[in-house]
Amino acid sequence: MQWRNTTGQWGALPKGQHWLGAALILAMLYLGYDMTHWIAGSAARFDAYQLHKSIGFCLLALTLLRGLWLLCDPGPVLPESIPAWERRASLIGHGTLYALVFAMLLSGWLMVSAAPLPVPSRVFGLVTVPNLVRPNAALFTWSKTAHELLSQLLMTAIILHVIAALKHHFIDGNDILKRILPFGGPGGAG
């Protein structure tokens, strides 16, 4: 399996970034809901928030690296059989996913930075991440609302992304889904 993308196949590094990013996003969404709705007790909730922040900062770094990688090594081209409107929808959909992930991560960082009770953000207890702003109740409320709204929008975008991938695979019968699977590719193992 090649590391870099080709015109017909995602490389090993972008595939790894995609699936690691997907796992981290799903973990963040689950943990975000769990810690705000189900986890009882201040110590358990505090630990959940710290884990959520740690995963978030790792995901931010991964998202930035993935974006830089795509600038240097564009992904495979879509098959010629894909209609123009689907090509535009693909660009818009992927752009929206990246924008939502990035905006959600930044709104979370802004929220913890502006929190009235400043708690240092330490990535897995190892590295302290500086706050973006000083404590500010109004900014905290705004960024918390934005973070919650963005999580809903991101979940919707993920569902649409998965539906589109499954449509390409099962209805259209093309190799778009296989190209991003960890061990898949056009015509078999990649």
N, C-alpha and C. Protein backbone atom coordinates (compact mmCIF):
# COMPACT_ATOMS: atom_id res chain seq x y z
N MET A 1 0.85 -1.18 0.00
CA MET A 1 0.00 0.00 0.00
C MET A 1 0.89 1.24 0.00
N GLN A 2 0.61 2.16 -0.88
CA GLN A 2 1.41 3.38 -0.98
C GLN A 2 0.99 4.36 0.12
N TRP A 3 1.93 5.22 0.52
CA TRP A 3 1.66 6.22 1.56
C TRP A 3 0.90 7.40 1.00
N ARG A 4 1.24 7.77 -0.22
CA ARG A 4 0.64 8.97 -0.83
C ARG A 4 -0.55 8.59 -1.68
N ASN A 5 -1.37 9.60 -1.94
CA ASN A 5 -2.54 9.41 -2.79
C ASN A 5 -2.13 9.23 -4.24
N THR A 6 -2.96 8.52 -4.98
CA THR A 6 -2.83 8.47 -6.43
C THR A 6 -4.13 9.05 -7.00
N THR A 7 -4.24 9.11 -8.31
CA THR A 7 -5.48 9.65 -8.89
C THR A 7 -6.66 8.72 -8.66
N GLY A 8 -6.40 7.45 -8.32
CA GLY A 8 -7.49 6.51 -8.13
C GLY A 8 -7.59 5.89 -6.74
N GLN A 9 -6.70 6.27 -5.83
CA GLN A 9 -6.66 5.60 -4.52
C GLN A 9 -6.13 6.54 -3.45
N TRP A 10 -6.74 6.48 -2.26
CA TRP A 10 -6.19 7.20 -1.11
C TRP A 10 -4.96 6.46 -0.62
N GLY A 11 -3.94 7.18 -0.19
CA GLY A 11 -2.74 6.58 0.36
C GLY A 11 -2.97 6.10 1.79
N ALA A 12 -2.00 5.37 2.32
CA ALA A 12 -2.12 4.80 3.67
C ALA A 12 -2.23 5.89 4.73
N LEU A 13 -1.45 6.96 4.60
CA LEU A 13 -1.50 8.02 5.62
C LEU A 13 -2.85 8.73 5.63
N PRO A 14 -3.38 9.17 4.49
CA PRO A 14 -4.72 9.79 4.52
C PRO A 14 -5.82 8.84 5.00
N LYS A 15 -5.70 7.55 4.66
CA LYS A 15 -6.68 6.58 5.15
C LYS A 15 -6.62 6.51 6.68
N GLY A 16 -5.41 6.43 7.20
CA GLY A 16 -5.24 6.38 8.65
C GLY A 16 -5.77 7.63 9.32
N GLN A 17 -5.48 8.80 8.71
CA GLN A 17 -5.99 10.06 9.25
C GLN A 17 -7.52 10.07 9.23
N HIS A 18 -8.10 9.59 8.15
CA HIS A 18 -9.56 9.57 8.01
C HIS A 18 -10.20 8.74 9.11
N TRP A 19 -9.73 7.50 9.27
CA TRP A 19 -10.37 6.59 10.21
C TRP A 19 -10.05 6.92 11.66
N LEU A 20 -8.84 7.40 11.93
CA LEU A 20 -8.53 7.86 13.29
C LEU A 20 -9.37 9.08 13.62
N GLY A 21 -9.48 10.01 12.66
CA GLY A 21 -10.32 11.19 12.86
C GLY A 21 -11.77 10.82 13.09
N ALA A 22 -12.27 9.86 12.31
CA ALA A 22 -13.66 9.42 12.48
C ALA A 22 -13.87 8.83 13.87
N ALA A 23 -12.93 7.99 14.32
CA ALA A 23 -13.06 7.39 15.65
C ALA A 23 -13.01 8.45 16.74
N LEU A 24 -12.12 9.41 16.60
CA LEU A 24 -12.02 10.48 17.61
C LEU A 24 -13.27 11.35 17.62
N ILE A 25 -13.80 11.66 16.45
CA ILE A 25 -15.03 12.47 16.38
C ILE A 25 -16.18 11.74 17.04
N LEU A 26 -16.35 10.47 16.73
CA LEU A 26 -17.44 9.70 17.33
C LEU A 26 -17.25 9.59 18.85
N ALA A 27 -16.01 9.40 19.29
CA ALA A 27 -15.74 9.35 20.73
C ALA A 27 -16.08 10.68 21.39
N MET A 28 -15.71 11.78 20.72
CA MET A 28 -16.00 13.12 21.25
C MET A 28 -17.50 13.36 21.34
N LEU A 29 -18.24 13.00 20.31
CA LEU A 29 -19.69 13.21 20.32
C LEU A 29 -20.34 12.37 21.42
N TYR A 30 -19.92 11.13 21.53
CA TYR A 30 -20.48 10.26 22.57
C TYR A 30 -20.14 10.80 23.96
N LEU A 31 -18.87 11.10 24.19
CA LEU A 31 -18.43 11.58 25.49
C LEU A 31 -19.07 12.93 25.82
N GLY A 32 -19.19 13.80 24.82
CA GLY A 32 -19.83 15.10 25.04
C GLY A 32 -21.26 14.95 25.52
N TYR A 33 -21.98 14.04 24.91
CA TYR A 33 -23.37 13.81 25.34
C TYR A 33 -23.39 13.14 26.71
N ASP A 34 -22.56 12.13 26.87
CA ASP A 34 -22.53 11.37 28.12
C ASP A 34 -22.19 12.26 29.31
N MET A 35 -21.18 13.10 29.17
CA MET A 35 -20.74 13.90 30.32
C MET A 35 -21.73 15.01 30.67
N THR A 36 -22.56 15.41 29.72
CA THR A 36 -23.53 16.47 30.02
C THR A 36 -24.90 15.92 30.39
N HIS A 37 -25.14 14.63 30.17
CA HIS A 37 -26.46 14.07 30.45
C HIS A 37 -26.47 12.92 31.44
N TRP A 38 -25.40 12.14 31.52
CA TRP A 38 -25.47 10.91 32.30
C TRP A 38 -24.47 10.81 33.44
N ILE A 39 -23.30 11.35 33.28
CA ILE A 39 -22.27 11.15 34.30
C ILE A 39 -22.61 11.95 35.55
N ALA A 40 -22.74 11.25 36.65
CA ALA A 40 -23.05 11.89 37.93
C ALA A 40 -21.77 11.96 38.76
N GLY A 41 -21.74 12.91 39.66
CA GLY A 41 -20.58 13.05 40.54
C GLY A 41 -19.56 13.99 39.95
N SER A 42 -19.10 14.92 40.78
CA SER A 42 -18.21 15.96 40.27
C SER A 42 -16.86 15.40 39.83
N ALA A 43 -16.32 14.40 40.52
CA ALA A 43 -15.01 13.86 40.14
C ALA A 43 -15.09 13.13 38.80
N ALA A 44 -16.11 12.31 38.62
CA ALA A 44 -16.27 11.57 37.36
C ALA A 44 -16.53 12.54 36.21
N ARG A 45 -17.34 13.54 36.46
CA ARG A 45 -17.65 14.52 35.41
C ARG A 45 -16.40 15.32 35.06
N PHE A 46 -15.63 15.72 36.07
CA PHE A 46 -14.38 16.45 35.83
C PHE A 46 -13.45 15.62 34.96
N ASP A 47 -13.28 14.35 35.31
CA ASP A 47 -12.41 13.46 34.52
C ASP A 47 -12.91 13.33 33.08
N ALA A 48 -14.23 13.23 32.92
CA ALA A 48 -14.80 13.12 31.57
C ALA A 48 -14.53 14.38 30.76
N TYR A 49 -14.67 15.55 31.39
CA TYR A 49 -14.38 16.81 30.69
C TYR A 49 -12.91 16.88 30.29
N GLN A 50 -12.02 16.44 31.18
CA GLN A 50 -10.59 16.48 30.85
C GLN A 50 -10.27 15.53 29.69
N LEU A 51 -10.88 14.36 29.69
CA LEU A 51 -10.68 13.42 28.59
C LEU A 51 -11.23 14.01 27.29
N HIS A 52 -12.42 14.61 27.37
CA HIS A 52 -13.04 15.24 26.20
C HIS A 52 -12.13 16.32 25.63
N LYS A 53 -11.57 17.15 26.50
CA LYS A 53 -10.67 18.21 26.04
C LYS A 53 -9.40 17.63 25.43
N SER A 54 -8.84 16.60 26.07
CA SER A 54 -7.62 15.98 25.55
C SER A 54 -7.83 15.40 24.16
N ILE A 55 -8.92 14.67 24.00
CA ILE A 55 -9.23 14.10 22.68
C ILE A 55 -9.46 15.23 21.68
N GLY A 56 -10.13 16.29 22.11
CA GLY A 56 -10.40 17.43 21.24
C GLY A 56 -9.13 18.08 20.72
N PHE A 57 -8.16 18.29 21.59
CA PHE A 57 -6.91 18.91 21.15
C PHE A 57 -6.14 17.98 20.21
N CYS A 58 -6.18 16.68 20.47
CA CYS A 58 -5.54 15.73 19.54
C CYS A 58 -6.24 15.75 18.18
N LEU A 59 -7.57 15.82 18.22
CA LEU A 59 -8.34 15.88 16.97
C LEU A 59 -8.06 17.17 16.21
N LEU A 60 -7.89 18.28 16.94
CA LEU A 60 -7.56 19.54 16.28
C LEU A 60 -6.22 19.41 15.55
N ALA A 61 -5.23 18.84 16.21
CA ALA A 61 -3.92 18.65 15.57
C ALA A 61 -4.04 17.73 14.35
N LEU A 62 -4.79 16.64 14.49
CA LEU A 62 -4.98 15.71 13.38
C LEU A 62 -5.70 16.38 12.21
N THR A 63 -6.71 17.19 12.51
CA THR A 63 -7.48 17.88 11.47
C THR A 63 -6.59 18.86 10.72
N LEU A 64 -5.76 19.59 11.45
CA LEU A 64 -4.84 20.53 10.79
C LEU A 64 -3.84 19.77 9.91
N LEU A 65 -3.30 18.67 10.42
CA LEU A 65 -2.36 17.86 9.63
C LEU A 65 -3.03 17.28 8.39
N ARG A 66 -4.25 16.81 8.55
CA ARG A 66 -4.98 16.25 7.40
C ARG A 66 -5.22 17.33 6.35
N GLY A 67 -5.61 18.51 6.79
CA GLY A 67 -5.82 19.62 5.86
C GLY A 67 -4.55 19.98 5.11
N LEU A 68 -3.43 20.06 5.84
CA LEU A 68 -2.15 20.36 5.20
C LEU A 68 -1.75 19.26 4.22
N TRP A 69 -1.97 18.01 4.62
CA TRP A 69 -1.64 16.88 3.74
C TRP A 69 -2.43 16.98 2.44
N LEU A 70 -3.72 17.30 2.55
CA LEU A 70 -4.55 17.38 1.34
C LEU A 70 -4.12 18.53 0.43
N LEU A 71 -3.59 19.60 1.02
CA LEU A 71 -3.07 20.70 0.19
C LEU A 71 -1.85 20.25 -0.60
N CYS A 72 -1.01 19.42 0.02
CA CYS A 72 0.22 18.95 -0.63
C CYS A 72 0.00 17.71 -1.49
N ASP A 73 -1.00 16.91 -1.15
CA ASP A 73 -1.23 15.64 -1.83
C ASP A 73 -2.74 15.44 -2.02
N PRO A 74 -3.31 16.08 -3.05
CA PRO A 74 -4.77 16.00 -3.25
C PRO A 74 -5.26 14.56 -3.36
N GLY A 75 -6.50 14.37 -2.97
CA GLY A 75 -7.10 13.04 -3.01
C GLY A 75 -7.36 12.57 -4.42
N PRO A 76 -7.81 11.32 -4.54
CA PRO A 76 -8.10 10.75 -5.85
C PRO A 76 -9.24 11.49 -6.54
N VAL A 77 -9.23 11.44 -7.86
CA VAL A 77 -10.30 12.07 -8.62
C VAL A 77 -11.53 11.17 -8.60
N LEU A 78 -12.68 11.79 -8.72
CA LEU A 78 -13.92 11.02 -8.77
C LEU A 78 -14.04 10.34 -10.13
N PRO A 79 -14.67 9.18 -10.18
CA PRO A 79 -14.86 8.51 -11.47
C PRO A 79 -15.65 9.41 -12.43
N GLU A 80 -15.38 9.26 -13.71
CA GLU A 80 -16.06 10.07 -14.73
C GLU A 80 -17.56 9.83 -14.75
N SER A 81 -17.99 8.69 -14.23
CA SER A 81 -19.42 8.38 -14.23
C SER A 81 -20.21 9.21 -13.22
N ILE A 82 -19.51 9.91 -12.34
CA ILE A 82 -20.19 10.73 -11.32
C ILE A 82 -20.71 12.00 -11.99
N PRO A 83 -22.01 12.29 -11.89
CA PRO A 83 -22.57 13.50 -12.50
C PRO A 83 -21.99 14.78 -11.86
N ALA A 84 -22.05 15.86 -12.61
CA ALA A 84 -21.49 17.13 -12.16
C ALA A 84 -22.11 17.59 -10.84
N TRP A 85 -23.41 17.41 -10.67
CA TRP A 85 -24.04 17.86 -9.43
C TRP A 85 -23.53 17.07 -8.23
N GLU A 86 -23.21 15.79 -8.42
CA GLU A 86 -22.67 14.98 -7.32
C GLU A 86 -21.23 15.38 -7.01
N ARG A 87 -20.49 15.80 -8.03
CA ARG A 87 -19.13 16.28 -7.81
C ARG A 87 -19.16 17.53 -6.94
N ARG A 88 -20.08 18.46 -7.29
CA ARG A 88 -20.23 19.69 -6.48
C ARG A 88 -20.69 19.34 -5.07
N ALA A 89 -21.64 18.43 -4.97
CA ALA A 89 -22.15 18.02 -3.65
C ALA A 89 -21.02 17.41 -2.82
N SER A 90 -20.14 16.65 -3.46
CA SER A 90 -19.01 16.05 -2.76
C SER A 90 -18.08 17.12 -2.20
N LEU A 91 -17.75 18.09 -3.05
CA LEU A 91 -16.88 19.19 -2.59
C LEU A 91 -17.52 19.96 -1.44
N ILE A 92 -18.80 20.27 -1.60
CA ILE A 92 -19.51 21.02 -0.55
C ILE A 92 -19.60 20.18 0.72
N GLY A 93 -19.93 18.90 0.57
CA GLY A 93 -20.06 18.02 1.73
C GLY A 93 -18.77 17.86 2.51
N HIS A 94 -17.68 17.60 1.79
CA HIS A 94 -16.39 17.45 2.47
C HIS A 94 -15.94 18.77 3.10
N GLY A 95 -16.12 19.86 2.37
CA GLY A 95 -15.78 21.17 2.92
C GLY A 95 -16.58 21.48 4.17
N THR A 96 -17.86 21.13 4.14
CA THR A 96 -18.72 21.35 5.30
C THR A 96 -18.27 20.51 6.48
N LEU A 97 -17.93 19.25 6.24
CA LEU A 97 -17.44 18.40 7.33
C LEU A 97 -16.19 18.99 7.98
N TYR A 98 -15.22 19.40 7.17
CA TYR A 98 -14.00 19.99 7.72
C TYR A 98 -14.31 21.27 8.48
N ALA A 99 -15.16 22.12 7.91
CA ALA A 99 -15.50 23.38 8.57
C ALA A 99 -16.20 23.14 9.90
N LEU A 100 -17.13 22.18 9.93
CA LEU A 100 -17.85 21.89 11.16
C LEU A 100 -16.93 21.31 12.23
N VAL A 101 -16.06 20.39 11.84
CA VAL A 101 -15.12 19.81 12.81
C VAL A 101 -14.24 20.92 13.37
N PHE A 102 -13.67 21.73 12.50
CA PHE A 102 -12.77 22.79 12.94
C PHE A 102 -13.51 23.81 13.81
N ALA A 103 -14.70 24.23 13.39
CA ALA A 103 -15.48 25.20 14.17
C ALA A 103 -15.88 24.62 15.52
N MET A 104 -16.25 23.35 15.54
CA MET A 104 -16.63 22.74 16.81
C MET A 104 -15.45 22.66 17.76
N LEU A 105 -14.29 22.29 17.25
CA LEU A 105 -13.10 22.22 18.09
C LEU A 105 -12.72 23.61 18.62
N LEU A 106 -12.77 24.60 17.74
CA LEU A 106 -12.43 25.96 18.19
C LEU A 106 -13.45 26.50 19.19
N SER A 107 -14.73 26.21 18.97
CA SER A 107 -15.74 26.69 19.92
C SER A 107 -15.56 26.02 21.28
N GLY A 108 -15.15 24.76 21.29
CA GLY A 108 -14.87 24.08 22.55
C GLY A 108 -13.68 24.70 23.27
N TRP A 109 -12.63 24.99 22.52
CA TRP A 109 -11.44 25.62 23.11
C TRP A 109 -11.80 27.01 23.63
N LEU A 110 -12.57 27.75 22.86
CA LEU A 110 -13.01 29.08 23.29
C LEU A 110 -13.87 28.97 24.55
N MET A 111 -14.74 27.98 24.60
CA MET A 111 -15.63 27.79 25.74
C MET A 111 -14.82 27.52 27.01
N VAL A 112 -13.86 26.60 26.96
CA VAL A 112 -13.09 26.31 28.18
C VAL A 112 -12.17 27.47 28.53
N SER A 113 -11.76 28.24 27.54
CA SER A 113 -10.92 29.41 27.80
C SER A 113 -11.71 30.51 28.51
N ALA A 114 -12.95 30.72 28.08
CA ALA A 114 -13.78 31.80 28.61
C ALA A 114 -14.54 31.41 29.87
N ALA A 115 -14.46 30.15 30.28
CA ALA A 115 -15.21 29.67 31.44
C ALA A 115 -14.92 30.53 32.68
N PRO A 116 -15.97 30.85 33.45
CA PRO A 116 -15.79 31.66 34.65
C PRO A 116 -14.82 31.03 35.66
N LEU A 117 -14.81 29.69 35.73
CA LEU A 117 -13.87 28.99 36.59
C LEU A 117 -12.78 28.40 35.71
N PRO A 118 -11.66 29.10 35.57
CA PRO A 118 -10.63 28.61 34.64
C PRO A 118 -9.95 27.35 35.16
N VAL A 119 -10.09 26.29 34.40
CA VAL A 119 -9.42 25.02 34.70
C VAL A 119 -8.43 24.78 33.57
N PRO A 120 -7.15 24.60 33.90
CA PRO A 120 -6.17 24.39 32.84
C PRO A 120 -6.53 23.20 31.96
N SER A 121 -6.27 23.34 30.69
CA SER A 121 -6.48 22.25 29.74
C SER A 121 -5.15 21.54 29.56
N ARG A 122 -5.07 20.33 30.09
CA ARG A 122 -3.85 19.53 29.98
C ARG A 122 -4.15 18.30 29.15
N VAL A 123 -3.48 18.19 28.01
CA VAL A 123 -3.70 17.06 27.11
C VAL A 123 -3.16 15.79 27.76
N PHE A 124 -4.09 14.93 28.18
CA PHE A 124 -3.78 13.69 28.87
C PHE A 124 -2.82 13.91 30.04
N GLY A 125 -2.93 15.08 30.69
CA GLY A 125 -2.13 15.39 31.86
C GLY A 125 -0.68 15.70 31.55
N LEU A 126 -0.33 15.85 30.28
CA LEU A 126 1.07 16.02 29.89
C LEU A 126 1.43 17.43 29.46
N VAL A 127 0.62 18.03 28.61
CA VAL A 127 0.92 19.33 28.01
C VAL A 127 -0.22 20.28 28.32
N THR A 128 0.13 21.45 28.87
CA THR A 128 -0.89 22.46 29.14
C THR A 128 -1.11 23.30 27.89
N VAL A 129 -2.36 23.41 27.48
CA VAL A 129 -2.73 24.20 26.30
C VAL A 129 -3.18 25.57 26.81
N PRO A 130 -2.61 26.65 26.25
CA PRO A 130 -3.00 27.98 26.74
C PRO A 130 -4.44 28.33 26.37
N ASN A 131 -5.04 29.14 27.20
CA ASN A 131 -6.39 29.64 26.91
C ASN A 131 -6.32 30.68 25.80
N LEU A 132 -7.38 30.76 25.03
CA LEU A 132 -7.45 31.74 23.93
C LEU A 132 -7.80 33.13 24.45
N VAL A 133 -8.60 33.18 25.52
CA VAL A 133 -9.08 34.45 26.08
C VAL A 133 -9.11 34.33 27.60
N ARG A 134 -9.36 35.47 28.24
CA ARG A 134 -9.56 35.48 29.69
C ARG A 134 -10.99 35.05 29.99
N PRO A 135 -11.27 34.66 31.24
CA PRO A 135 -12.65 34.32 31.59
C PRO A 135 -13.63 35.44 31.22
N ASN A 136 -14.74 35.04 30.61
CA ASN A 136 -15.73 36.00 30.13
C ASN A 136 -17.06 35.27 30.06
N ALA A 137 -17.98 35.61 30.96
CA ALA A 137 -19.25 34.87 31.07
C ALA A 137 -20.07 34.92 29.79
N ALA A 138 -20.14 36.08 29.15
CA ALA A 138 -20.94 36.21 27.92
C ALA A 138 -20.33 35.38 26.79
N LEU A 139 -19.02 35.42 26.66
CA LEU A 139 -18.35 34.64 25.62
C LEU A 139 -18.46 33.14 25.91
N PHE A 140 -18.40 32.79 27.18
CA PHE A 140 -18.58 31.39 27.57
C PHE A 140 -19.95 30.88 27.14
N THR A 141 -20.99 31.66 27.45
CA THR A 141 -22.36 31.26 27.09
C THR A 141 -22.51 31.14 25.58
N TRP A 142 -21.98 32.12 24.85
CA TRP A 142 -22.08 32.09 23.38
C TRP A 142 -21.35 30.87 22.81
N SER A 143 -20.12 30.64 23.27
CA SER A 143 -19.33 29.53 22.71
C SER A 143 -19.92 28.18 23.11
N LYS A 144 -20.52 28.09 24.30
CA LYS A 144 -21.17 26.85 24.71
C LYS A 144 -22.37 26.55 23.81
N THR A 145 -23.17 27.57 23.53
CA THR A 145 -24.31 27.41 22.63
C THR A 145 -23.84 27.01 21.24
N ALA A 146 -22.80 27.68 20.75
CA ALA A 146 -22.25 27.36 19.43
C ALA A 146 -21.73 25.93 19.40
N HIS A 147 -21.04 25.51 20.45
CA HIS A 147 -20.47 24.16 20.52
C HIS A 147 -21.58 23.11 20.46
N GLU A 148 -22.64 23.34 21.19
CA GLU A 148 -23.76 22.39 21.19
C GLU A 148 -24.46 22.35 19.83
N LEU A 149 -24.68 23.51 19.23
CA LEU A 149 -25.31 23.56 17.91
C LEU A 149 -24.42 22.89 16.85
N LEU A 150 -23.14 23.19 16.91
CA LEU A 150 -22.20 22.59 15.95
C LEU A 150 -22.15 21.08 16.09
N SER A 151 -22.30 20.57 17.31
CA SER A 151 -22.30 19.11 17.47
C SER A 151 -23.49 18.48 16.76
N GLN A 152 -24.64 19.15 16.83
CA GLN A 152 -25.83 18.64 16.13
C GLN A 152 -25.64 18.69 14.61
N LEU A 153 -25.11 19.80 14.13
CA LEU A 153 -24.86 19.94 12.70
C LEU A 153 -23.83 18.92 12.22
N LEU A 154 -22.79 18.69 13.03
CA LEU A 154 -21.76 17.72 12.66
C LEU A 154 -22.34 16.31 12.60
N MET A 155 -23.17 15.95 13.57
CA MET A 155 -23.79 14.62 13.53
C MET A 155 -24.63 14.45 12.27
N THR A 156 -25.35 15.50 11.89
CA THR A 156 -26.15 15.44 10.67
C THR A 156 -25.26 15.28 9.44
N ALA A 157 -24.17 16.05 9.39
CA ALA A 157 -23.24 15.96 8.25
C ALA A 157 -22.60 14.58 8.17
N ILE A 158 -22.27 13.99 9.31
CA ILE A 158 -21.67 12.65 9.33
C ILE A 158 -22.66 11.63 8.79
N ILE A 159 -23.90 11.72 9.22
CA ILE A 159 -24.93 10.79 8.74
C ILE A 159 -25.08 10.91 7.22
N LEU A 160 -25.12 12.14 6.71
CA LEU A 160 -25.23 12.34 5.26
C LEU A 160 -24.00 11.80 4.53
N HIS A 161 -22.82 11.98 5.13
CA HIS A 161 -21.57 11.48 4.55
C HIS A 161 -21.60 9.95 4.44
N VAL A 162 -22.05 9.29 5.49
CA VAL A 162 -22.13 7.83 5.49
C VAL A 162 -23.17 7.36 4.47
N ILE A 163 -24.32 8.02 4.44
CA ILE A 163 -25.36 7.66 3.46
C ILE A 163 -24.82 7.79 2.03
N ALA A 164 -24.10 8.88 1.76
CA ALA A 164 -23.55 9.09 0.42
C ALA A 164 -22.55 7.98 0.07
N ALA A 165 -21.69 7.63 1.03
CA ALA A 165 -20.71 6.57 0.77
C ALA A 165 -21.40 5.23 0.49
N LEU A 166 -22.42 4.92 1.28
CA LEU A 166 -23.15 3.67 1.08
C LEU A 166 -23.92 3.68 -0.25
N LYS A 167 -24.46 4.84 -0.62
CA LYS A 167 -25.16 4.98 -1.92
C LYS A 167 -24.19 4.68 -3.06
N HIS A 168 -22.98 5.26 -2.98
CA HIS A 168 -22.00 5.02 -4.04
C HIS A 168 -21.65 3.53 -4.12
N HIS A 169 -21.56 2.88 -2.98
CA HIS A 169 -21.16 1.47 -2.97
C HIS A 169 -22.29 0.54 -3.41
N PHE A 170 -23.45 0.67 -2.78
CA PHE A 170 -24.52 -0.30 -3.00
C PHE A 170 -25.45 0.03 -4.16
N ILE A 171 -25.67 1.30 -4.43
CA ILE A 171 -26.59 1.67 -5.52
C ILE A 171 -25.83 1.94 -6.81
N ASP A 172 -24.80 2.78 -6.73
CA ASP A 172 -24.05 3.13 -7.94
C ASP A 172 -23.04 2.05 -8.33
N GLY A 173 -22.59 1.26 -7.35
CA GLY A 173 -21.64 0.19 -7.63
C GLY A 173 -20.25 0.67 -8.00
N ASN A 174 -19.87 1.88 -7.57
CA ASN A 174 -18.52 2.35 -7.88
C ASN A 174 -17.58 2.07 -6.69
N ASP A 175 -16.31 2.45 -6.84
CA ASP A 175 -15.30 2.09 -5.85
C ASP A 175 -14.97 3.21 -4.87
N ILE A 176 -15.80 4.25 -4.79
CA ILE A 176 -15.49 5.39 -3.93
C ILE A 176 -15.31 4.96 -2.47
N LEU A 177 -16.20 4.14 -1.96
CA LEU A 177 -16.08 3.68 -0.57
C LEU A 177 -14.85 2.80 -0.39
N LYS A 178 -14.61 1.90 -1.33
CA LYS A 178 -13.47 0.98 -1.22
C LYS A 178 -12.15 1.75 -1.17
N ARG A 179 -12.08 2.90 -1.84
CA ARG A 179 -10.82 3.65 -1.91
C ARG A 179 -10.39 4.20 -0.56
N ILE A 180 -11.33 4.39 0.37
CA ILE A 180 -10.99 4.96 1.68
C ILE A 180 -10.96 3.89 2.77
N LEU A 181 -11.45 2.69 2.48
CA LEU A 181 -11.40 1.62 3.49
C LEU A 181 -9.95 1.29 3.82
N PRO A 182 -9.66 0.95 5.08
CA PRO A 182 -8.26 0.73 5.48
C PRO A 182 -7.50 -0.27 4.61
N PHE A 183 -8.16 -1.35 4.18
CA PHE A 183 -7.47 -2.35 3.37
C PHE A 183 -8.16 -2.57 2.05
N GLY A 184 -8.93 -1.58 1.63
CA GLY A 184 -9.67 -1.72 0.37
C GLY A 184 -9.07 -0.86 -0.71
N GLY A 185 -9.53 -1.07 -1.88
CA GLY A 185 -9.10 -0.28 -3.01
C GLY A 185 -9.76 -0.79 -4.25
N PRO A 186 -9.63 -0.09 -5.34
CA PRO A 186 -10.22 -0.56 -6.58
C PRO A 186 -9.70 -1.95 -6.92
N GLY A 187 -10.62 -2.84 -7.15
CA GLY A 187 -10.23 -4.18 -7.57
C GLY A 187 -9.73 -5.08 -6.46
N GLY A 188 -9.85 -4.66 -5.19
CA GLY A 188 -9.44 -5.55 -4.10
C GLY A 188 -8.57 -4.84 -3.10
N ALA A 189 -7.65 -5.57 -2.50
CA ALA A 189 -6.80 -5.01 -1.45
C ALA A 189 -5.94 -3.91 -2.01
N GLY A 190 -5.85 -2.84 -1.24
CA GLY A 190 -5.08 -1.70 -1.72
C GLY A 190 -3.79 -1.68 -1.09
